Amino acid sequence: MADAPYTPPEVWTWDKQNGGRFAGINRPTAGPREERELPVGRHPFQLYSLGTPNGQKVTIMFEELLEAGFADAEYDAWTINIMESQQFWSGFVDINPNSKIPALVDRSGPEPFRVFESGAILLHLAEKFDFLLPPDPKGRAETFSWLMWQMSSAPYIGGGFGHFYAYAPEKIEYAIDRYAMEVKRLFDVADRQLARTRFLAGDDYTIADIAAFPWLGIVYRGEAYDNGAKFLSLHEYENVGRWVREIGQRPGAIRGSLVNRQDGLAERHAASDFDALDPALLKAK
């Protein structure tokens, strides 16, 4: 006999036994769960993150800055293991009250300050170094628009499609269909734009591309969500594929994608850290 349809109660209550991959860490409350300070390295920027698509945005930005010769962009990248609830350490919550990676402390000036949310960090670094952000109002507006498009679309890809297709304790057809449709629509948005322009905001590489590449790239290449690329027929989006391959050949993008990952650099404190990796990891995909 099929289960009875779910009827929401008048008042929702949290059931911590609801299952799923992230059931042990997700709660409807904020704030620290453990008093624990964060380590601090010697570089001007201290990044606390994980090598997920959201984390890769910032490490790619740092590596692109260094590749372009901005020596003042040296950074320490410390791993925050979200499956071990390290994002709820008091030190991390002080930097990001939302307890999500990535979070940054800018120590380059007389007074350290925090920057949290990946989009905010990209904007901060782009403005600080005058890099990958067009100087003209039209170009900036287009870059900001595509950056915000990515920021608003990521939850549909990860928390929506990824969760219900790969992580939820049971397969729910309605939820999978809903988010599969939305992810394909987002890929179509990008594909149509990339048929007109080399990069998202125009013919120049910008922070909008850095924001979108880790998410669209990992799904397009079939490296996420039980090969969700096949399920979604992402090979249909040829312009996205061209864009993914081009960015995937950039040395900064290659290095940045490896930081704060157990199969790459769990921590990054110097450019020489990459020398210890298998050279095959530093080749374009």
C-alpha atoms as a PDB file:
ATOM      1  CA  MET A   1       0.000   0.000   0.000  1.00  0.00           C
ATOM      2  CA  ALA A   2       1.359   3.415  -0.932  1.00  0.00           C
ATOM      3  CA  ASP A   3       2.158   5.861   1.823  1.00  0.00           C
ATOM      4  CA  ALA A   4      -0.516   8.431   2.548  1.00  0.00           C
ATOM      5  CA  PRO A   5       0.123  11.895   1.082  1.00  0.00           C
ATOM      6  CA  TYR A   6       1.985  14.206   3.410  1.00  0.00           C
ATOM      7  CA  THR A   7      -0.152  16.842   5.071  1.00  0.00           C
ATOM      8  CA  PRO A   8       1.878  19.661   6.680  1.00  0.00           C
ATOM      9  CA  PRO A   9       1.060  20.217  10.345  1.00  0.00           C
ATOM     10  CA  GLU A  10      -0.254  23.564  11.491  1.00  0.00           C
ATOM     11  CA  VAL A  11       3.105  24.296  13.137  1.00  0.00           C
ATOM     12  CA  TRP A  12       6.357  22.785  11.875  1.00  0.00           C
ATOM     13  CA  THR A  13       8.781  21.184  14.354  1.00  0.00           C
ATOM     14  CA  TRP A  14      12.319  20.022  13.721  1.00  0.00           C
ATOM     15  CA  ASP A  15      12.879  16.270  13.475  1.00  0.00           C
ATOM     16  CA  LYS A  16      16.616  15.673  13.667  1.00  0.00           C
ATOM     17  CA  GLN A  17      16.086  12.044  12.623  1.00  0.00           C
ATOM     18  CA  ASN A  18      14.771  12.957   9.182  1.00  0.00           C
ATOM     19  CA  GLY A  19      17.689  11.266   7.438  1.00  0.00           C
ATOM     20  CA  GLY A  20      19.772  12.317   4.483  1.00  0.00           C
ATOM     21  CA  ARG A  21      23.489  12.912   4.090  1.00  0.00           C
ATOM     22  CA  PHE A  22      23.485  16.198   5.982  1.00  0.00           C
ATOM     23  CA  ALA A  23      20.998  15.297   8.724  1.00  0.00           C
ATOM     24  CA  GLY A  24      23.731  15.287  11.348  1.00  0.00           C
ATOM     25  CA  ILE A  25      24.777  18.898  10.788  1.00  0.00           C
ATOM     26  CA  ASN A  26      21.677  20.757   9.603  1.00  0.00           C
ATOM     27  CA  ARG A  27      19.611  22.489  12.261  1.00  0.00           C
ATOM     28  CA  PRO A  28      17.084  25.335  12.210  1.00  0.00           C
ATOM     29  CA  THR A  29      19.284  27.406  14.524  1.00  0.00           C
ATOM     30  CA  ALA A  30      22.429  29.489  14.115  1.00  0.00           C
ATOM     31  CA  GLY A  31      25.381  30.247  16.369  1.00  0.00           C
ATOM     32  CA  PRO A  32      28.430  28.327  17.602  1.00  0.00           C
ATOM     33  CA  ARG A  33      28.220  24.775  18.904  1.00  0.00           C
ATOM     34  CA  GLU A  34      31.807  24.478  20.112  1.00  0.00           C
ATOM     35  CA  GLU A  35      34.311  26.986  21.467  1.00  0.00           C
ATOM     36  CA  ARG A  36      37.236  26.690  19.111  1.00  0.00           C
ATOM     37  CA  GLU A  37      39.545  29.315  17.663  1.00  0.00           C
ATOM     38  CA  LEU A  38      40.827  29.259  14.083  1.00  0.00           C
ATOM     39  CA  PRO A  39      44.495  29.073  13.053  1.00  0.00           C
ATOM     40  CA  VAL A  40      46.147  32.142  11.547  1.00  0.00           C
ATOM     41  CA  GLY A  41      48.980  32.052   9.014  1.00  0.00           C
ATOM     42  CA  ARG A  42      51.488  34.665   7.923  1.00  0.00           C
ATOM     43  CA  HIS A  43      49.905  35.936   4.697  1.00  0.00           C
ATOM     44  CA  PRO A  44      47.720  39.032   4.213  1.00  0.00           C
ATOM     45  CA  PHE A  45      44.633  36.915   3.560  1.00  0.00           C
ATOM     46  CA  GLN A  46      43.339  34.089   5.723  1.00  0.00           C
ATOM     47  CA  LEU A  47      40.774  31.883   3.995  1.00  0.00           C
ATOM     48  CA  TYR A  48      38.700  29.290   5.847  1.00  0.00           C
ATOM     49  CA  SER A  49      36.986  27.082   3.329  1.00  0.00           C
ATOM     50  CA  LEU A  50      36.476  23.709   1.659  1.00  0.00           C
ATOM     51  CA  GLY A  51      37.043  22.630  -1.936  1.00  0.00           C
ATOM     52  CA  THR A  52      33.372  22.636  -2.887  1.00  0.00           C
ATOM     53  CA  PRO A  53      32.180  24.768  -5.816  1.00  0.00           C
ATOM     54  CA  ASN A  54      31.483  27.688  -3.479  1.00  0.00           C
ATOM     55  CA  GLY A  55      34.925  27.393  -1.932  1.00  0.00           C
ATOM     56  CA  GLN A  56      36.649  26.997  -5.296  1.00  0.00           C
ATOM     57  CA  LYS A  57      35.354  30.377  -6.439  1.00  0.00           C
ATOM     58  CA  VAL A  58      37.621  32.141  -3.967  1.00  0.00           C
ATOM     59  CA  THR A  59      40.697  29.950  -4.331  1.00  0.00           C
ATOM     60  CA  ILE A  60      40.487  30.288  -8.125  1.00  0.00           C
ATOM     61  CA  MET A  61      40.315  34.067  -7.664  1.00  0.00           C
ATOM     62  CA  PHE A  62      43.412  34.056  -5.456  1.00  0.00           C
ATOM     63  CA  GLU A  63      45.329  31.846  -7.859  1.00  0.00           C
ATOM     64  CA  GLU A  64      44.303  34.032 -10.817  1.00  0.00           C
ATOM     65  CA  LEU A  65      45.565  37.088  -8.912  1.00  0.00           C
ATOM     66  CA  LEU A  66      48.890  35.400  -8.204  1.00  0.00           C
ATOM     67  CA  GLU A  67      49.151  34.162 -11.784  1.00  0.00           C
ATOM     68  CA  ALA A  68      48.703  37.763 -12.937  1.00  0.00           C
ATOM     69  CA  GLY A  69      51.575  38.917 -10.723  1.00  0.00           C
ATOM     70  CA  PHE A  70      49.757  40.342  -7.704  1.00  0.00           C
ATOM     71  CA  ALA A  71      52.242  39.219  -5.050  1.00  0.00           C
ATOM     72  CA  ASP A  72      50.230  40.979  -2.330  1.00  0.00           C
ATOM     73  CA  ALA A  73      47.439  38.463  -2.873  1.00  0.00           C
ATOM     74  CA  GLU A  74      49.280  35.652  -1.070  1.00  0.00           C
ATOM     75  CA  TYR A  75      46.956  33.694   1.149  1.00  0.00           C
ATOM     76  CA  ASP A  76      46.662  30.862   3.623  1.00  0.00           C
ATOM     77  CA  ALA A  77      43.794  28.458   2.944  1.00  0.00           C
ATOM     78  CA  TRP A  78      42.623  26.443   5.954  1.00  0.00           C
ATOM     79  CA  THR A  79      40.196  23.554   5.591  1.00  0.00           C
ATOM     80  CA  ILE A  80      36.843  23.743   7.327  1.00  0.00           C
ATOM     81  CA  ASN A  81      35.372  20.236   7.344  1.00  0.00           C
ATOM     82  CA  ILE A  82      31.636  20.799   7.200  1.00  0.00           C
ATOM     83  CA  MET A  83      30.853  17.100   7.754  1.00  0.00           C
ATOM     84  CA  GLU A  84      32.608  17.421  11.125  1.00  0.00           C
ATOM     85  CA  SER A  85      30.664  20.620  11.922  1.00  0.00           C
ATOM     86  CA  GLN A  86      33.787  22.785  12.007  1.00  0.00           C
ATOM     87  CA  GLN A  87      31.732  25.603  10.464  1.00  0.00           C
ATOM     88  CA  PHE A  88      30.061  25.846  13.862  1.00  0.00           C
ATOM     89  CA  TRP A  89      33.272  26.484  15.765  1.00  0.00           C
ATOM     90  CA  SER A  90      33.061  29.791  17.572  1.00  0.00           C
ATOM     91  CA  GLY A  91      36.030  31.155  15.635  1.00  0.00           C
ATOM     92  CA  PHE A  92      34.365  30.450  12.314  1.00  0.00           C
ATOM     93  CA  VAL A  93      30.988  31.816  13.399  1.00  0.00           C
ATOM     94  CA  ASP A  94      32.762  35.039  14.385  1.00  0.00           C
ATOM     95  CA  ILE A  95      33.848  35.361  10.737  1.00  0.00           C
ATOM     96  CA  ASN A  96      30.624  34.135   9.157  1.00  0.00           C
ATOM     97  CA  PRO A  97      27.504  34.192  11.346  1.00  0.00           C
ATOM     98  CA  ASN A  98      25.766  32.137   8.641  1.00  0.00           C
ATOM     99  CA  SER A  99      28.209  29.223   9.222  1.00  0.00           C
ATOM    100  CA  LYS A 100      28.817  28.580   5.519  1.00  0.00           C
ATOM    101  CA  ILE A 101      32.121  28.329   3.680  1.00  0.00           C
ATOM    102  CA  PRO A 102      33.998  30.256   2.415  1.00  0.00           C
ATOM    103  CA  ALA A 103      34.920  32.997   4.884  1.00  0.00           C
ATOM    104  CA  LEU A 104      37.866  35.362   4.648  1.00  0.00           C
ATOM    105  CA  VAL A 105      39.814  37.609   6.997  1.00  0.00           C
ATOM    106  CA  ASP A 106      41.608  40.462   5.247  1.00  0.00           C
ATOM    107  CA  ARG A 107      44.701  41.263   7.297  1.00  0.00           C
ATOM    108  CA  SER A 108      46.385  43.389   4.635  1.00  0.00           C
ATOM    109  CA  GLY A 109      45.707  46.674   6.428  1.00  0.00           C
ATOM    110  CA  PRO A 110      46.031  48.107   9.917  1.00  0.00           C
ATOM    111  CA  GLU A 111      42.787  46.503  11.117  1.00  0.00           C
ATOM    112  CA  PRO A 112      41.738  42.967  10.112  1.00  0.00           C
ATOM    113  CA  PHE A 113      38.155  42.559   8.951  1.00  0.00           C
ATOM    114  CA  ARG A 114      35.937  39.735   7.805  1.00  0.00           C
ATOM    115  CA  VAL A 115      34.313  39.110   4.424  1.00  0.00           C
ATOM    116  CA  PHE A 116      31.807  36.288   4.076  1.00  0.00           C
ATOM    117  CA  GLU A 117      29.724  34.874   1.210  1.00  0.00           C
ATOM    118  CA  SER A 118      31.625  33.876  -1.920  1.00  0.00           C
ATOM    119  CA  GLY A 119      30.202  36.630  -4.100  1.00  0.00           C
ATOM    120  CA  ALA A 120      31.121  39.303  -1.581  1.00  0.00           C
ATOM    121  CA  ILE A 121      34.675  37.930  -1.375  1.00  0.00           C
ATOM    122  CA  LEU A 122      35.039  37.959  -5.165  1.00  0.00           C
ATOM    123  CA  LEU A 123      33.829  41.556  -5.321  1.00  0.00           C
ATOM    124  CA  HIS A 124      36.115  42.596  -2.474  1.00  0.00           C
ATOM    125  CA  LEU A 125      39.200  41.115  -4.100  1.00  0.00           C
ATOM    126  CA  ALA A 126      38.291  42.393  -7.577  1.00  0.00           C
ATOM    127  CA  GLU A 127      37.910  45.931  -6.288  1.00  0.00           C
ATOM    128  CA  LYS A 128      40.939  45.770  -4.012  1.00  0.00           C
ATOM    129  CA  PHE A 129      43.265  44.684  -6.818  1.00  0.00           C
ATOM    130  CA  ASP A 130      41.333  46.275  -9.720  1.00  0.00           C
ATOM    131  CA  PHE A 131      41.256  42.876 -11.413  1.00  0.00           C
ATOM    132  CA  LEU A 132      38.706  40.953 -13.497  1.00  0.00           C
ATOM    133  CA  LEU A 133      36.126  43.719 -13.079  1.00  0.00           C
ATOM    134  CA  PRO A 134      35.528  46.001 -16.079  1.00  0.00           C
ATOM    135  CA  PRO A 135      36.217  49.704 -15.451  1.00  0.00           C
ATOM    136  CA  ASP A 136      33.308  51.020 -17.533  1.00  0.00           C
ATOM    137  CA  PRO A 137      29.773  51.244 -16.067  1.00  0.00           C
ATOM    138  CA  LYS A 138      28.221  49.039 -18.757  1.00  0.00           C
ATOM    139  CA  GLY A 139      30.804  46.288 -18.319  1.00  0.00           C
ATOM    140  CA  ARG A 140      30.582  46.426 -14.531  1.00  0.00           C
ATOM    141  CA  ALA A 141      26.792  46.245 -14.628  1.00  0.00           C
ATOM    142  CA  GLU A 142      26.892  43.213 -16.928  1.00  0.00           C
ATOM    143  CA  THR A 143      29.471  41.516 -14.686  1.00  0.00           C
ATOM    144  CA  PHE A 144      27.456  42.256 -11.542  1.00  0.00           C
ATOM    145  CA  SER A 145      24.311  40.928 -13.222  1.00  0.00           C
ATOM    146  CA  TRP A 146      25.892  37.599 -14.158  1.00  0.00           C
ATOM    147  CA  LEU A 147      27.554  37.336 -10.752  1.00  0.00           C
ATOM    148  CA  MET A 148      24.198  37.747  -9.024  1.00  0.00           C
ATOM    149  CA  TRP A 149      22.636  35.317 -11.505  1.00  0.00           C
ATOM    150  CA  GLN A 150      25.112  32.700 -10.340  1.00  0.00           C
ATOM    151  CA  MET A 151      24.612  33.491  -6.666  1.00  0.00           C
ATOM    152  CA  SER A 152      20.857  33.092  -7.005  1.00  0.00           C
ATOM    153  CA  SER A 153      21.041  29.962  -9.180  1.00  0.00           C
ATOM    154  CA  ALA A 154      23.497  27.867  -7.137  1.00  0.00           C
ATOM    155  CA  PRO A 155      20.873  26.727  -4.584  1.00  0.00           C
ATOM    156  CA  TYR A 156      18.811  25.170  -7.387  1.00  0.00           C
ATOM    157  CA  ILE A 157      21.813  23.162  -8.556  1.00  0.00           C
ATOM    158  CA  GLY A 158      23.187  22.025  -5.200  1.00  0.00           C
ATOM    159  CA  GLY A 159      20.534  22.229  -2.522  1.00  0.00           C
ATOM    160  CA  GLY A 160      17.791  21.544  -5.043  1.00  0.00           C
ATOM    161  CA  PHE A 161      18.753  19.094  -7.771  1.00  0.00           C
ATOM    162  CA  GLY A 162      21.841  17.713  -6.048  1.00  0.00           C
ATOM    163  CA  HIS A 163      20.039  17.109  -2.787  1.00  0.00           C
ATOM    164  CA  PHE A 164      16.945  15.399  -4.116  1.00  0.00           C
ATOM    165  CA  TYR A 165      18.670  13.468  -6.928  1.00  0.00           C
ATOM    166  CA  ALA A 166      21.723  12.228  -4.993  1.00  0.00           C
ATOM    167  CA  TYR A 167      21.477  12.853  -1.238  1.00  0.00           C
ATOM    168  CA  ALA A 168      17.875  12.650  -0.057  1.00  0.00           C
ATOM    169  CA  PRO A 169      16.971   9.457   1.854  1.00  0.00           C
ATOM    170  CA  GLU A 170      14.245   8.697  -0.683  1.00  0.00           C
ATOM    171  CA  LYS A 171      13.705   9.573  -4.330  1.00  0.00           C
ATOM    172  CA  ILE A 172      10.810  11.983  -4.768  1.00  0.00           C
ATOM    173  CA  GLU A 173       9.763  12.265  -8.401  1.00  0.00           C
ATOM    174  CA  TYR A 174       8.152  15.666  -8.068  1.00  0.00           C
ATOM    175  CA  ALA A 175      11.204  17.210  -6.382  1.00  0.00           C
ATOM    176  CA  ILE A 176      13.684  15.673  -8.848  1.00  0.00           C
ATOM    177  CA  ASP A 177      11.592  16.758 -11.841  1.00  0.00           C
ATOM    178  CA  ARG A 178      11.202  20.263 -10.429  1.00  0.00           C
ATOM    179  CA  TYR A 179      14.905  20.863  -9.918  1.00  0.00           C
ATOM    180  CA  ALA A 180      16.055  18.974 -13.020  1.00  0.00           C
ATOM    181  CA  MET A 181      13.874  21.335 -15.035  1.00  0.00           C
ATOM    182  CA  GLU A 182      15.375  24.368 -13.301  1.00  0.00           C
ATOM    183  CA  VAL A 183      18.989  23.235 -13.743  1.00  0.00           C
ATOM    184  CA  LYS A 184      18.392  22.616 -17.438  1.00  0.00           C
ATOM    185  CA  ARG A 185      16.822  26.071 -17.729  1.00  0.00           C
ATOM    186  CA  LEU A 186      19.891  27.624 -16.078  1.00  0.00           C
ATOM    187  CA  PHE A 187      22.222  25.775 -18.430  1.00  0.00           C
ATOM    188  CA  ASP A 188      20.096  27.026 -21.321  1.00  0.00           C
ATOM    189  CA  VAL A 189      20.415  30.608 -20.045  1.00  0.00           C
ATOM    190  CA  ALA A 190      24.202  30.264 -19.946  1.00  0.00           C
ATOM    191  CA  ASP A 191      24.357  28.434 -23.272  1.00  0.00           C
ATOM    192  CA  ARG A 192      22.396  31.133 -25.075  1.00  0.00           C
ATOM    193  CA  GLN A 193      24.604  33.858 -23.622  1.00  0.00           C
ATOM    194  CA  LEU A 194      27.799  31.973 -24.460  1.00  0.00           C
ATOM    195  CA  ALA A 195      26.613  31.595 -28.050  1.00  0.00           C
ATOM    196  CA  ARG A 196      26.860  35.393 -28.249  1.00  0.00           C
ATOM    197  CA  THR A 197      29.937  36.092 -26.134  1.00  0.00           C
ATOM    198  CA  ARG A 198      33.177  34.349 -25.269  1.00  0.00           C
ATOM    199  CA  PHE A 199      32.565  34.708 -21.521  1.00  0.00           C
ATOM    200  CA  LEU A 200      29.443  35.364 -19.508  1.00  0.00           C
ATOM    201  CA  ALA A 201      29.730  39.145 -19.232  1.00  0.00           C
ATOM    202  CA  GLY A 202      31.258  39.677 -22.663  1.00  0.00           C
ATOM    203  CA  ASP A 203      34.501  38.910 -24.436  1.00  0.00           C
ATOM    204  CA  ASP A 204      36.633  39.332 -21.300  1.00  0.00           C
ATOM    205  CA  TYR A 205      37.073  36.880 -18.423  1.00  0.00           C
ATOM    206  CA  THR A 206      35.609  38.317 -15.198  1.00  0.00           C
ATOM    207  CA  ILE A 207      34.647  37.373 -11.671  1.00  0.00           C
ATOM    208  CA  ALA A 208      31.263  36.322 -13.071  1.00  0.00           C
ATOM    209  CA  ASP A 209      33.000  33.441 -14.863  1.00  0.00           C
ATOM    210  CA  ILE A 210      34.970  32.545 -11.744  1.00  0.00           C
ATOM    211  CA  ALA A 211      31.713  32.356  -9.785  1.00  0.00           C
ATOM    212  CA  ALA A 212      29.871  30.205 -12.303  1.00  0.00           C
ATOM    213  CA  PHE A 213      32.658  27.910 -13.486  1.00  0.00           C
ATOM    214  CA  PRO A 214      32.982  25.653 -10.403  1.00  0.00           C
ATOM    215  CA  TRP A 215      29.240  24.930 -10.327  1.00  0.00           C
ATOM    216  CA  LEU A 216      28.515  24.576 -14.029  1.00  0.00           C
ATOM    217  CA  GLY A 217      31.835  22.861 -14.674  1.00  0.00           C
ATOM    218  CA  ILE A 218      31.566  20.102 -12.074  1.00  0.00           C
ATOM    219  CA  VAL A 219      28.030  19.222 -13.134  1.00  0.00           C
ATOM    220  CA  TYR A 220      28.746  19.471 -16.874  1.00  0.00           C
ATOM    221  CA  ARG A 221      31.750  17.149 -16.563  1.00  0.00           C
ATOM    222  CA  GLY A 222      29.675  14.550 -14.707  1.00  0.00           C
ATOM    223  CA  GLU A 223      31.750  14.851 -11.526  1.00  0.00           C
ATOM    224  CA  ALA A 224      28.792  15.532  -9.237  1.00  0.00           C
ATOM    225  CA  TYR A 225      25.536  13.920  -8.183  1.00  0.00           C
ATOM    226  CA  ASP A 226      25.962  10.350  -9.429  1.00  0.00           C
ATOM    227  CA  ASN A 227      26.802  11.556 -12.956  1.00  0.00           C
ATOM    228  CA  GLY A 228      23.882  13.949 -13.069  1.00  0.00           C
ATOM    229  CA  ALA A 229      25.253  15.205 -16.407  1.00  0.00           C
ATOM    230  CA  LYS A 230      23.921  12.114 -18.168  1.00  0.00           C
ATOM    231  CA  PHE A 231      20.566  12.337 -16.414  1.00  0.00           C
ATOM    232  CA  LEU A 232      20.251  15.994 -17.476  1.00  0.00           C
ATOM    233  CA  SER A 233      21.684  15.489 -21.009  1.00  0.00           C
ATOM    234  CA  LEU A 234      24.112  18.342 -20.431  1.00  0.00           C
ATOM    235  CA  HIS A 235      26.045  17.473 -23.591  1.00  0.00           C
ATOM    236  CA  GLU A 236      23.302  19.403 -25.380  1.00  0.00           C
ATOM    237  CA  TYR A 237      24.746  22.685 -24.124  1.00  0.00           C
ATOM    238  CA  GLU A 238      27.723  22.937 -26.459  1.00  0.00           C
ATOM    239  CA  ASN A 239      28.531  26.577 -25.735  1.00  0.00           C
ATOM    240  CA  VAL A 240      28.720  25.863 -22.024  1.00  0.00           C
ATOM    241  CA  GLY A 241      31.041  22.962 -22.817  1.00  0.00           C
ATOM    242  CA  ARG A 242      33.344  25.207 -24.843  1.00  0.00           C
ATOM    243  CA  TRP A 243      33.433  27.737 -21.994  1.00  0.00           C
ATOM    244  CA  VAL A 244      34.070  25.043 -19.348  1.00  0.00           C
ATOM    245  CA  ARG A 245      36.970  23.636 -21.345  1.00  0.00           C
ATOM    246  CA  GLU A 246      38.544  27.052 -21.934  1.00  0.00           C
ATOM    247  CA  ILE A 247      38.442  28.112 -18.290  1.00  0.00           C
ATOM    248  CA  GLY A 248      39.548  24.634 -17.252  1.00  0.00           C
ATOM    249  CA  GLN A 249      42.826  25.215 -19.091  1.00  0.00           C
ATOM    250  CA  ARG A 250      43.729  28.342 -17.125  1.00  0.00           C
ATOM    251  CA  PRO A 251      46.561  27.664 -14.630  1.00  0.00           C
ATOM    252  CA  GLY A 252      44.836  29.740 -11.949  1.00  0.00           C
ATOM    253  CA  ALA A 253      41.598  27.806 -12.339  1.00  0.00           C
ATOM    254  CA  ILE A 254      43.417  24.479 -12.277  1.00  0.00           C
ATOM    255  CA  ARG A 255      45.323  25.308  -9.086  1.00  0.00           C
ATOM    256  CA  GLY A 256      42.411  26.997  -7.384  1.00  0.00           C
ATOM    257  CA  SER A 257      40.175  23.993  -7.986  1.00  0.00           C
ATOM    258  CA  LEU A 258      42.596  21.785  -6.007  1.00  0.00           C
ATOM    259  CA  VAL A 259      42.769  23.831  -2.799  1.00  0.00           C
ATOM    260  CA  ASN A 260      41.101  22.607   0.420  1.00  0.00           C
ATOM    261  CA  ARG A 261      40.451  19.168  -1.061  1.00  0.00           C
ATOM    262  CA  GLN A 262      41.651  15.851   0.313  1.00  0.00           C
ATOM    263  CA  ASP A 263      42.522  14.721  -3.211  1.00  0.00           C
ATOM    264  CA  GLY A 264      44.451  17.969  -3.767  1.00  0.00           C
ATOM    265  CA  LEU A 265      45.825  20.384  -1.171  1.00  0.00           C
ATOM    266  CA  ALA A 266      44.051  20.030   2.145  1.00  0.00           C
ATOM    267  CA  GLU A 267      45.719  23.312   3.109  1.00  0.00           C
ATOM    268  CA  ARG A 268      47.563  25.866   1.029  1.00  0.00           C
ATOM    269  CA  HIS A 269      50.196  28.182   2.528  1.00  0.00           C
ATOM    270  CA  ALA A 270      52.650  28.796  -0.333  1.00  0.00           C
ATOM    271  CA  ALA A 271      52.821  28.499  -4.098  1.00  0.00           C
ATOM    272  CA  SER A 272      55.378  25.730  -3.633  1.00  0.00           C
ATOM    273  CA  ASP A 273      52.737  23.543  -1.963  1.00  0.00           C
ATOM    274  CA  PHE A 274      51.517  22.546  -5.433  1.00  0.00           C
ATOM    275  CA  ASP A 275      54.932  21.022  -6.190  1.00  0.00           C
ATOM    276  CA  ALA A 276      54.077  18.083  -3.944  1.00  0.00           C
ATOM    277  CA  LEU A 277      51.038  17.111  -6.014  1.00  0.00           C
ATOM    278  CA  ASP A 278      50.875  14.555  -8.792  1.00  0.00           C
ATOM    279  CA  PRO A 279      51.694  16.583 -11.938  1.00  0.00           C
ATOM    280  CA  ALA A 280      48.667  15.001 -13.631  1.00  0.00           C
ATOM    281  CA  LEU A 281      46.400  16.982 -11.281  1.00  0.00           C
ATOM    282  CA  LEU A 282      47.836  20.231 -12.629  1.00  0.00           C
ATOM    283  CA  LYS A 283      46.926  19.463 -16.242  1.00  0.00           C
ATOM    284  CA  ALA A 284      43.795  20.748 -17.930  1.00  0.00           C
ATOM    285  CA  LYS A 285      40.843  18.365 -18.034  1.00  0.00           C
END
